[in-house]
Amino acid sequence: MDKNEVKALSNELGLLNAGVYFSEPNTTPDQLIDFIMGNRVYTKEFVVINKVDLMKIPLSPEEITESIGHNHWVMISAKNQENINALRHRIFQELNLIRVYLKPPKKEADMDEPIILHKGDNMKTLCRKIHKRFVKDFRFSLIWGNSARHPGQKIANLNHIIEDGDIISIYTKMALNN
């Protein structure tokens, strides 16, 4: 859409003086109208094609993308357990999720049960997910992984952004029982 089309649509919808910025390229007039009116929400789409074991004529990835209209798809066979790990991986990617592993102080990290967070989440979000008291009593954390400058980096900031695969030890203030 060009500037004049955006201006005309905005004026028609009662926006006489507004700054309009697009975060997504190729926004359609219908999407702009829906956003201004607030009556629709656009969500991401992901297609799972099941029963690929029954396909007599296999389709090429280009043909599938063309028929669906986008490349957010994966083919599986639930019966034969084909491509289930690829499906898990794609869901993780599409939802922008990350895995964080907790390491109790002076013990080994629990690599079997990660905590799932969203990409861009920080230490405060992780502490809140464990228990709300962790936010209030947070002293510092030790981090091993991509978000640390060096292994075992000490972080005293709750705003530190966590990355996928980080291993984190959280230290809290000790409560005094008097």
N, C-alpha and C. Protein backbone atom coordinates (compact mmCIF):
# COMPACT_ATOMS: atom_id res chain seq x y z
N MET A 1 0.85 -1.18 0.00
CA MET A 1 0.00 0.00 0.00
C MET A 1 0.89 1.24 0.00
N ASP A 2 0.45 2.22 -0.76
CA ASP A 2 1.23 3.45 -0.77
C ASP A 2 0.66 4.45 0.24
N LYS A 3 1.35 5.56 0.39
CA LYS A 3 1.00 6.56 1.41
C LYS A 3 -0.40 7.13 1.21
N ASN A 4 -0.79 7.39 -0.02
CA ASN A 4 -2.11 7.98 -0.30
C ASN A 4 -3.24 7.00 0.04
N GLU A 5 -3.01 5.71 -0.24
CA GLU A 5 -4.03 4.71 0.06
C GLU A 5 -4.22 4.57 1.58
N VAL A 6 -3.11 4.59 2.32
CA VAL A 6 -3.18 4.51 3.78
C VAL A 6 -3.91 5.73 4.33
N LYS A 7 -3.60 6.90 3.79
CA LYS A 7 -4.24 8.15 4.23
C LYS A 7 -5.74 8.13 3.95
N ALA A 8 -6.13 7.68 2.76
CA ALA A 8 -7.55 7.63 2.40
C ALA A 8 -8.31 6.65 3.29
N LEU A 9 -7.74 5.48 3.52
CA LEU A 9 -8.39 4.50 4.39
C LEU A 9 -8.51 5.02 5.82
N SER A 10 -7.46 5.65 6.31
CA SER A 10 -7.48 6.20 7.68
C SER A 10 -8.55 7.26 7.82
N ASN A 11 -8.65 8.14 6.84
CA ASN A 11 -9.67 9.21 6.88
C ASN A 11 -11.07 8.62 6.84
N GLU A 12 -11.28 7.60 6.01
CA GLU A 12 -12.58 6.94 5.92
C GLU A 12 -13.00 6.32 7.25
N LEU A 13 -12.02 5.83 8.01
CA LEU A 13 -12.30 5.16 9.28
C LEU A 13 -12.28 6.11 10.48
N GLY A 14 -12.17 7.42 10.20
CA GLY A 14 -12.25 8.41 11.28
C GLY A 14 -10.93 8.79 11.90
N LEU A 15 -9.82 8.32 11.36
CA LEU A 15 -8.51 8.73 11.85
C LEU A 15 -8.04 9.91 11.00
N LEU A 16 -8.17 11.10 11.54
CA LEU A 16 -7.82 12.29 10.76
C LEU A 16 -6.38 12.72 10.98
N ASN A 17 -5.82 12.39 12.14
CA ASN A 17 -4.45 12.80 12.43
C ASN A 17 -3.77 11.64 13.16
N ALA A 18 -3.00 10.84 12.44
CA ALA A 18 -2.36 9.67 13.05
C ALA A 18 -1.07 9.33 12.33
N GLY A 19 -0.14 8.79 13.06
CA GLY A 19 1.08 8.25 12.47
C GLY A 19 0.88 6.76 12.29
N VAL A 20 1.05 6.26 11.09
CA VAL A 20 0.81 4.84 10.80
C VAL A 20 2.14 4.20 10.42
N TYR A 21 2.53 3.17 11.18
CA TYR A 21 3.77 2.46 10.94
C TYR A 21 3.46 0.98 10.76
N PHE A 22 4.11 0.36 9.80
CA PHE A 22 3.88 -1.06 9.53
C PHE A 22 5.09 -1.87 9.99
N SER A 23 4.82 -2.89 10.80
CA SER A 23 5.90 -3.78 11.23
C SER A 23 6.04 -4.96 10.28
N GLU A 24 5.03 -5.22 9.49
CA GLU A 24 5.06 -6.32 8.53
C GLU A 24 5.01 -5.75 7.11
N PRO A 25 5.90 -6.21 6.25
CA PRO A 25 5.83 -5.74 4.86
C PRO A 25 4.60 -6.33 4.16
N ASN A 26 4.18 -5.68 3.12
CA ASN A 26 3.06 -6.15 2.29
C ASN A 26 1.75 -6.27 3.06
N THR A 27 1.45 -5.31 3.92
CA THR A 27 0.18 -5.29 4.63
C THR A 27 -0.92 -4.92 3.64
N THR A 28 -2.03 -5.64 3.69
CA THR A 28 -3.13 -5.40 2.76
C THR A 28 -4.09 -4.36 3.35
N PRO A 29 -4.89 -3.72 2.50
CA PRO A 29 -5.90 -2.78 3.01
C PRO A 29 -6.87 -3.43 4.00
N ASP A 30 -7.25 -4.69 3.74
CA ASP A 30 -8.15 -5.39 4.67
C ASP A 30 -7.51 -5.56 6.04
N GLN A 31 -6.23 -5.87 6.08
CA GLN A 31 -5.53 -6.02 7.36
C GLN A 31 -5.48 -4.69 8.10
N LEU A 32 -5.23 -3.59 7.39
CA LEU A 32 -5.20 -2.27 8.02
C LEU A 32 -6.57 -1.91 8.59
N ILE A 33 -7.62 -2.17 7.83
CA ILE A 33 -8.99 -1.87 8.29
C ILE A 33 -9.31 -2.71 9.53
N ASP A 34 -8.99 -4.00 9.47
CA ASP A 34 -9.25 -4.88 10.62
C ASP A 34 -8.49 -4.42 11.85
N PHE A 35 -7.26 -3.97 11.68
CA PHE A 35 -6.47 -3.52 12.82
C PHE A 35 -7.06 -2.25 13.43
N ILE A 36 -7.42 -1.31 12.60
CA ILE A 36 -7.98 -0.05 13.10
C ILE A 36 -9.32 -0.30 13.78
N MET A 37 -10.15 -1.13 13.19
CA MET A 37 -11.46 -1.42 13.77
C MET A 37 -11.33 -2.30 15.02
N GLY A 38 -10.24 -3.06 15.13
CA GLY A 38 -9.99 -3.88 16.31
C GLY A 38 -10.88 -5.11 16.40
N ASN A 39 -11.46 -5.53 15.29
CA ASN A 39 -12.39 -6.67 15.36
C ASN A 39 -11.78 -7.99 14.89
N ARG A 40 -10.50 -8.00 14.53
CA ARG A 40 -9.85 -9.23 14.12
C ARG A 40 -8.41 -9.26 14.61
N VAL A 41 -7.95 -10.45 14.88
CA VAL A 41 -6.56 -10.64 15.26
C VAL A 41 -5.98 -11.67 14.31
N TYR A 42 -4.84 -11.37 13.72
CA TYR A 42 -4.20 -12.30 12.81
C TYR A 42 -3.18 -13.12 13.59
N THR A 43 -3.28 -14.41 13.47
CA THR A 43 -2.35 -15.30 14.15
C THR A 43 -1.52 -16.05 13.12
N LYS A 44 -0.41 -16.59 13.60
CA LYS A 44 0.43 -17.38 12.71
C LYS A 44 -0.26 -18.69 12.37
N GLU A 45 0.09 -19.21 11.23
CA GLU A 45 -0.51 -20.45 10.75
C GLU A 45 0.59 -21.47 10.55
N PHE A 46 0.29 -22.70 10.91
CA PHE A 46 1.23 -23.80 10.74
C PHE A 46 0.42 -25.02 10.33
N VAL A 47 0.80 -25.69 9.26
CA VAL A 47 0.04 -26.80 8.73
C VAL A 47 0.80 -28.11 8.96
N VAL A 48 0.08 -29.10 9.52
CA VAL A 48 0.64 -30.44 9.69
C VAL A 48 -0.09 -31.35 8.72
N ILE A 49 0.67 -31.98 7.84
CA ILE A 49 0.11 -32.88 6.85
C ILE A 49 0.37 -34.30 7.34
N ASN A 50 -0.71 -34.98 7.73
CA ASN A 50 -0.59 -36.32 8.29
C ASN A 50 -0.87 -37.37 7.21
N LYS A 51 -0.62 -38.60 7.53
CA LYS A 51 -0.86 -39.76 6.68
C LYS A 51 -0.03 -39.74 5.40
N VAL A 52 1.21 -39.28 5.51
CA VAL A 52 2.07 -39.27 4.32
C VAL A 52 2.43 -40.68 3.89
N ASP A 53 2.25 -41.65 4.80
CA ASP A 53 2.51 -43.04 4.43
C ASP A 53 1.49 -43.55 3.41
N LEU A 54 0.35 -42.86 3.27
CA LEU A 54 -0.68 -43.28 2.31
C LEU A 54 -0.56 -42.57 0.95
N MET A 55 0.36 -41.61 0.84
CA MET A 55 0.51 -40.87 -0.41
C MET A 55 1.08 -41.79 -1.50
N LYS A 56 0.35 -41.87 -2.62
CA LYS A 56 0.81 -42.71 -3.73
C LYS A 56 1.81 -41.95 -4.60
N ILE A 57 1.54 -40.66 -4.80
CA ILE A 57 2.44 -39.83 -5.59
C ILE A 57 3.00 -38.76 -4.67
N PRO A 58 4.26 -38.88 -4.28
CA PRO A 58 4.83 -37.87 -3.37
C PRO A 58 4.95 -36.51 -4.05
N LEU A 59 4.60 -35.48 -3.30
CA LEU A 59 4.70 -34.11 -3.81
C LEU A 59 6.05 -33.52 -3.42
N SER A 60 6.54 -32.63 -4.26
CA SER A 60 7.79 -31.95 -3.94
C SER A 60 7.50 -30.83 -2.92
N PRO A 61 8.50 -30.42 -2.15
CA PRO A 61 8.27 -29.32 -1.20
C PRO A 61 7.76 -28.04 -1.88
N GLU A 62 8.21 -27.79 -3.10
CA GLU A 62 7.75 -26.60 -3.83
C GLU A 62 6.26 -26.69 -4.15
N GLU A 63 5.79 -27.88 -4.54
CA GLU A 63 4.38 -28.08 -4.86
C GLU A 63 3.52 -27.91 -3.61
N ILE A 64 3.99 -28.42 -2.48
CA ILE A 64 3.23 -28.28 -1.23
C ILE A 64 3.16 -26.82 -0.81
N THR A 65 4.29 -26.12 -0.86
CA THR A 65 4.32 -24.71 -0.50
C THR A 65 3.40 -23.90 -1.39
N GLU A 66 3.39 -24.20 -2.68
CA GLU A 66 2.53 -23.49 -3.62
C GLU A 66 1.05 -23.75 -3.33
N SER A 67 0.69 -24.99 -3.02
CA SER A 67 -0.73 -25.30 -2.78
C SER A 67 -1.22 -24.75 -1.45
N ILE A 68 -0.34 -24.70 -0.43
CA ILE A 68 -0.74 -24.16 0.87
C ILE A 68 -0.70 -22.64 0.87
N GLY A 69 0.26 -22.07 0.16
CA GLY A 69 0.38 -20.61 0.11
C GLY A 69 1.47 -20.06 1.01
N HIS A 70 2.15 -20.90 1.76
CA HIS A 70 3.28 -20.48 2.59
C HIS A 70 4.14 -21.70 2.90
N ASN A 71 5.28 -21.47 3.55
CA ASN A 71 6.19 -22.60 3.81
C ASN A 71 6.20 -23.02 5.28
N HIS A 72 5.13 -22.76 5.99
CA HIS A 72 5.02 -23.15 7.40
C HIS A 72 4.23 -24.46 7.48
N TRP A 73 4.90 -25.56 7.15
CA TRP A 73 4.24 -26.86 7.13
C TRP A 73 5.26 -27.94 7.42
N VAL A 74 4.76 -29.11 7.80
CA VAL A 74 5.59 -30.30 7.97
C VAL A 74 4.72 -31.52 7.68
N MET A 75 5.33 -32.51 7.07
CA MET A 75 4.61 -33.75 6.74
C MET A 75 5.00 -34.81 7.76
N ILE A 76 3.98 -35.52 8.29
CA ILE A 76 4.24 -36.58 9.26
C ILE A 76 3.40 -37.82 8.95
N SER A 77 3.74 -38.89 9.62
CA SER A 77 2.89 -40.08 9.66
C SER A 77 2.77 -40.45 11.13
N ALA A 78 1.65 -40.14 11.72
CA ALA A 78 1.44 -40.46 13.13
C ALA A 78 1.45 -41.96 13.35
N LYS A 79 0.93 -42.70 12.40
CA LYS A 79 0.87 -44.16 12.53
C LYS A 79 2.27 -44.77 12.58
N ASN A 80 3.16 -44.32 11.69
CA ASN A 80 4.52 -44.87 11.62
C ASN A 80 5.54 -44.05 12.41
N GLN A 81 5.07 -43.03 13.10
CA GLN A 81 5.95 -42.15 13.89
C GLN A 81 7.04 -41.49 13.03
N GLU A 82 6.71 -41.17 11.78
CA GLU A 82 7.65 -40.52 10.88
C GLU A 82 7.59 -39.01 11.06
N ASN A 83 8.74 -38.38 11.14
CA ASN A 83 8.89 -36.92 11.22
C ASN A 83 8.28 -36.29 12.47
N ILE A 84 8.05 -37.05 13.52
CA ILE A 84 7.48 -36.50 14.74
C ILE A 84 8.47 -35.53 15.40
N ASN A 85 9.76 -35.89 15.38
CA ASN A 85 10.76 -34.98 15.95
C ASN A 85 10.88 -33.70 15.14
N ALA A 86 10.73 -33.80 13.82
CA ALA A 86 10.75 -32.60 12.98
C ALA A 86 9.56 -31.71 13.31
N LEU A 87 8.40 -32.33 13.57
CA LEU A 87 7.21 -31.57 13.96
C LEU A 87 7.44 -30.85 15.28
N ARG A 88 8.00 -31.55 16.27
CA ARG A 88 8.31 -30.91 17.56
C ARG A 88 9.23 -29.72 17.37
N HIS A 89 10.27 -29.93 16.57
CA HIS A 89 11.24 -28.86 16.32
C HIS A 89 10.58 -27.65 15.65
N ARG A 90 9.74 -27.88 14.64
CA ARG A 90 9.07 -26.78 13.95
C ARG A 90 8.11 -26.03 14.85
N ILE A 91 7.37 -26.76 15.71
CA ILE A 91 6.46 -26.10 16.65
C ILE A 91 7.26 -25.20 17.58
N PHE A 92 8.37 -25.71 18.06
CA PHE A 92 9.25 -24.94 18.94
C PHE A 92 9.71 -23.66 18.22
N GLN A 93 10.12 -23.79 16.96
CA GLN A 93 10.57 -22.64 16.17
C GLN A 93 9.45 -21.64 15.94
N GLU A 94 8.31 -22.13 15.52
CA GLU A 94 7.19 -21.25 15.17
C GLU A 94 6.67 -20.46 16.38
N LEU A 95 6.74 -21.07 17.56
CA LEU A 95 6.27 -20.40 18.77
C LEU A 95 7.35 -19.57 19.45
N ASN A 96 8.56 -19.55 18.87
CA ASN A 96 9.69 -18.80 19.43
C ASN A 96 9.96 -19.19 20.88
N LEU A 97 10.08 -20.48 21.12
CA LEU A 97 10.33 -20.98 22.46
C LEU A 97 11.81 -21.28 22.66
N ILE A 98 12.24 -21.24 23.92
CA ILE A 98 13.61 -21.62 24.27
C ILE A 98 13.57 -22.57 25.46
N ARG A 99 14.64 -23.37 25.60
CA ARG A 99 14.78 -24.27 26.75
C ARG A 99 15.85 -23.72 27.67
N VAL A 100 15.54 -23.70 28.98
CA VAL A 100 16.50 -23.27 29.98
C VAL A 100 16.61 -24.39 31.01
N TYR A 101 17.83 -24.72 31.38
CA TYR A 101 18.06 -25.80 32.34
C TYR A 101 18.50 -25.21 33.67
N LEU A 102 17.91 -25.71 34.75
CA LEU A 102 18.27 -25.23 36.07
C LEU A 102 19.36 -26.11 36.67
N LYS A 103 20.28 -25.46 37.37
CA LYS A 103 21.37 -26.15 38.05
C LYS A 103 21.32 -25.72 39.50
N PRO A 104 20.87 -26.60 40.38
CA PRO A 104 20.89 -26.25 41.79
C PRO A 104 22.33 -25.94 42.22
N PRO A 105 22.53 -24.95 43.11
CA PRO A 105 23.89 -24.61 43.54
C PRO A 105 24.65 -25.84 44.04
N LYS A 106 25.89 -25.99 43.54
CA LYS A 106 26.81 -27.06 43.92
C LYS A 106 26.32 -28.45 43.53
N LYS A 107 25.43 -28.55 42.54
CA LYS A 107 24.95 -29.83 42.03
C LYS A 107 25.02 -29.81 40.51
N GLU A 108 24.69 -30.92 39.90
CA GLU A 108 24.67 -31.01 38.44
C GLU A 108 23.35 -30.44 37.89
N ALA A 109 23.41 -29.96 36.66
CA ALA A 109 22.22 -29.41 36.01
C ALA A 109 21.24 -30.53 35.66
N ASP A 110 19.96 -30.22 35.73
CA ASP A 110 18.91 -31.17 35.35
C ASP A 110 18.65 -31.00 33.85
N MET A 111 19.31 -31.83 33.05
CA MET A 111 19.21 -31.71 31.60
C MET A 111 18.02 -32.48 31.02
N ASP A 112 17.26 -33.17 31.87
CA ASP A 112 16.12 -33.95 31.40
C ASP A 112 14.84 -33.13 31.33
N GLU A 113 14.69 -32.14 32.21
CA GLU A 113 13.46 -31.36 32.28
C GLU A 113 13.75 -29.87 32.19
N PRO A 114 13.80 -29.34 30.98
CA PRO A 114 14.05 -27.90 30.85
C PRO A 114 12.80 -27.08 31.21
N ILE A 115 13.03 -25.84 31.52
CA ILE A 115 11.93 -24.88 31.67
C ILE A 115 11.76 -24.22 30.31
N ILE A 116 10.54 -24.13 29.84
CA ILE A 116 10.26 -23.56 28.53
C ILE A 116 9.86 -22.10 28.69
N LEU A 117 10.56 -21.23 27.98
CA LEU A 117 10.28 -19.80 27.99
C LEU A 117 10.17 -19.31 26.55
N HIS A 118 9.79 -18.06 26.38
CA HIS A 118 9.75 -17.45 25.05
C HIS A 118 11.07 -16.75 24.76
N LYS A 119 11.45 -16.73 23.50
CA LYS A 119 12.66 -16.02 23.09
C LYS A 119 12.52 -14.56 23.53
N GLY A 120 13.56 -14.03 24.17
CA GLY A 120 13.55 -12.65 24.64
C GLY A 120 13.17 -12.52 26.11
N ASP A 121 12.77 -13.63 26.76
CA ASP A 121 12.44 -13.57 28.19
C ASP A 121 13.71 -13.32 29.00
N ASN A 122 13.52 -12.76 30.19
CA ASN A 122 14.66 -12.41 31.03
C ASN A 122 14.65 -13.22 32.32
N MET A 123 15.64 -12.92 33.19
CA MET A 123 15.76 -13.64 34.47
C MET A 123 14.52 -13.45 35.33
N LYS A 124 13.92 -12.27 35.27
CA LYS A 124 12.72 -12.01 36.08
C LYS A 124 11.59 -12.97 35.69
N THR A 125 11.42 -13.20 34.40
CA THR A 125 10.39 -14.12 33.91
C THR A 125 10.68 -15.54 34.40
N LEU A 126 11.95 -15.94 34.32
CA LEU A 126 12.32 -17.28 34.79
C LEU A 126 12.06 -17.41 36.29
N CYS A 127 12.47 -16.42 37.07
CA CYS A 127 12.26 -16.47 38.52
C CYS A 127 10.77 -16.53 38.84
N ARG A 128 9.97 -15.73 38.14
CA ARG A 128 8.52 -15.72 38.37
C ARG A 128 7.90 -17.08 38.02
N LYS A 129 8.44 -17.73 36.99
CA LYS A 129 7.91 -19.03 36.58
C LYS A 129 8.21 -20.10 37.63
N ILE A 130 9.36 -19.99 38.29
CA ILE A 130 9.71 -20.96 39.34
C ILE A 130 8.84 -20.70 40.57
N HIS A 131 8.87 -19.46 41.07
CA HIS A 131 8.04 -19.07 42.22
C HIS A 131 8.16 -17.56 42.37
N LYS A 132 7.06 -16.89 42.70
CA LYS A 132 7.06 -15.43 42.78
C LYS A 132 8.06 -14.91 43.82
N ARG A 133 8.37 -15.72 44.81
CA ARG A 133 9.30 -15.31 45.86
C ARG A 133 10.73 -15.18 45.31
N PHE A 134 11.04 -15.93 44.26
CA PHE A 134 12.37 -15.86 43.67
C PHE A 134 12.67 -14.46 43.13
N VAL A 135 11.67 -13.75 42.67
CA VAL A 135 11.88 -12.39 42.16
C VAL A 135 12.24 -11.46 43.32
N LYS A 136 11.49 -11.56 44.39
CA LYS A 136 11.70 -10.69 45.55
C LYS A 136 13.04 -10.98 46.24
N ASP A 137 13.40 -12.25 46.34
CA ASP A 137 14.60 -12.64 47.08
C ASP A 137 15.83 -12.86 46.20
N PHE A 138 15.76 -12.49 44.93
CA PHE A 138 16.87 -12.73 43.98
C PHE A 138 18.12 -11.97 44.41
N ARG A 139 19.25 -12.68 44.47
CA ARG A 139 20.55 -12.05 44.73
C ARG A 139 21.36 -11.99 43.43
N PHE A 140 21.60 -13.17 42.85
CA PHE A 140 22.34 -13.24 41.59
C PHE A 140 22.13 -14.62 40.98
N SER A 141 22.63 -14.79 39.78
CA SER A 141 22.59 -16.11 39.14
C SER A 141 23.92 -16.36 38.46
N LEU A 142 24.24 -17.61 38.29
CA LEU A 142 25.40 -18.01 37.51
C LEU A 142 24.87 -18.65 36.23
N ILE A 143 25.42 -18.23 35.10
CA ILE A 143 24.89 -18.68 33.81
C ILE A 143 25.99 -19.28 32.95
N TRP A 144 25.69 -20.45 32.40
CA TRP A 144 26.53 -21.10 31.40
C TRP A 144 25.69 -21.18 30.13
N GLY A 145 26.23 -20.73 29.03
CA GLY A 145 25.48 -20.81 27.77
C GLY A 145 25.70 -19.59 26.91
N ASN A 146 24.86 -19.45 25.89
CA ASN A 146 25.02 -18.39 24.89
C ASN A 146 24.83 -16.98 25.44
N SER A 147 24.02 -16.81 26.49
CA SER A 147 23.78 -15.46 26.99
C SER A 147 24.87 -14.99 27.94
N ALA A 148 25.78 -15.88 28.32
CA ALA A 148 26.88 -15.52 29.21
C ALA A 148 28.13 -15.17 28.41
N ARG A 149 28.88 -14.20 28.89
CA ARG A 149 30.14 -13.83 28.22
C ARG A 149 31.19 -14.91 28.42
N HIS A 150 31.13 -15.57 29.58
CA HIS A 150 32.06 -16.65 29.90
C HIS A 150 31.31 -17.67 30.75
N PRO A 151 31.75 -18.93 30.77
CA PRO A 151 31.05 -19.95 31.54
C PRO A 151 30.98 -19.59 33.03
N GLY A 152 29.79 -19.71 33.59
CA GLY A 152 29.59 -19.41 35.00
C GLY A 152 29.55 -17.92 35.32
N GLN A 153 29.17 -17.12 34.34
CA GLN A 153 29.12 -15.67 34.55
C GLN A 153 28.11 -15.32 35.64
N LYS A 154 28.52 -14.42 36.54
CA LYS A 154 27.65 -13.98 37.62
C LYS A 154 26.80 -12.80 37.11
N ILE A 155 25.49 -12.95 37.22
CA ILE A 155 24.55 -11.93 36.78
C ILE A 155 23.71 -11.51 37.98
N ALA A 156 23.73 -10.21 38.28
CA ALA A 156 22.94 -9.71 39.41
C ALA A 156 21.75 -8.88 38.92
N ASN A 157 21.43 -9.00 37.64
CA ASN A 157 20.40 -8.18 37.02
C ASN A 157 19.24 -9.06 36.57
N LEU A 158 18.04 -8.74 37.03
CA LEU A 158 16.86 -9.51 36.61
C LEU A 158 16.47 -9.24 35.17
N ASN A 159 17.03 -8.22 34.54
CA ASN A 159 16.69 -7.88 33.16
C ASN A 159 17.58 -8.60 32.14
N HIS A 160 18.48 -9.47 32.60
CA HIS A 160 19.36 -10.21 31.71
C HIS A 160 18.53 -11.12 30.80
N ILE A 161 18.73 -11.02 29.50
CA ILE A 161 18.00 -11.83 28.51
C ILE A 161 18.60 -13.22 28.44
N ILE A 162 17.74 -14.22 28.58
CA ILE A 162 18.16 -15.62 28.57
C ILE A 162 18.06 -16.16 27.15
N GLU A 163 18.97 -17.07 26.80
CA GLU A 163 18.95 -17.67 25.46
C GLU A 163 18.76 -19.18 25.55
N ASP A 164 18.41 -19.78 24.42
CA ASP A 164 18.14 -21.22 24.35
C ASP A 164 19.37 -22.01 24.78
N GLY A 165 19.14 -22.98 25.67
CA GLY A 165 20.21 -23.86 26.12
C GLY A 165 20.99 -23.37 27.32
N ASP A 166 20.66 -22.20 27.84
CA ASP A 166 21.37 -21.68 29.02
C ASP A 166 21.16 -22.61 30.21
N ILE A 167 22.21 -22.76 30.99
CA ILE A 167 22.15 -23.48 32.26
C ILE A 167 22.30 -22.44 33.35
N ILE A 168 21.36 -22.41 34.29
CA ILE A 168 21.31 -21.30 35.25
C ILE A 168 21.19 -21.82 36.68
N SER A 169 22.02 -21.25 37.55
CA SER A 169 21.91 -21.44 39.00
C SER A 169 21.41 -20.13 39.57
N ILE A 170 20.36 -20.18 40.37
CA ILE A 170 19.79 -18.97 40.96
C ILE A 170 20.08 -18.97 42.46
N TYR A 171 20.60 -17.86 42.94
CA TYR A 171 20.89 -17.69 44.36
C TYR A 171 19.96 -16.63 44.92
N THR A 172 19.33 -16.96 46.04
CA THR A 172 18.39 -16.03 46.67
C THR A 172 18.88 -15.65 48.05
N LYS A 173 18.26 -14.61 48.61
CA LYS A 173 18.59 -14.18 49.97
C LYS A 173 18.09 -15.22 50.93
N MET A 174 18.85 -15.46 51.96
CA MET A 174 18.45 -16.44 52.98
C MET A 174 17.50 -15.76 53.95
N ALA A 175 16.39 -16.41 54.26
CA ALA A 175 15.43 -15.87 55.23
C ALA A 175 15.95 -16.21 56.63
N LEU A 176 15.92 -15.21 57.49
CA LEU A 176 16.38 -15.41 58.87
C LEU A 176 15.20 -15.78 59.76
N ASN A 177 15.34 -16.83 60.49
CA ASN A 177 14.29 -17.27 61.40
C ASN A 177 14.67 -16.84 62.82
N ASN A 178 14.13 -15.74 63.31
CA ASN A 178 14.41 -15.26 64.67
C ASN A 178 13.21 -15.42 65.54
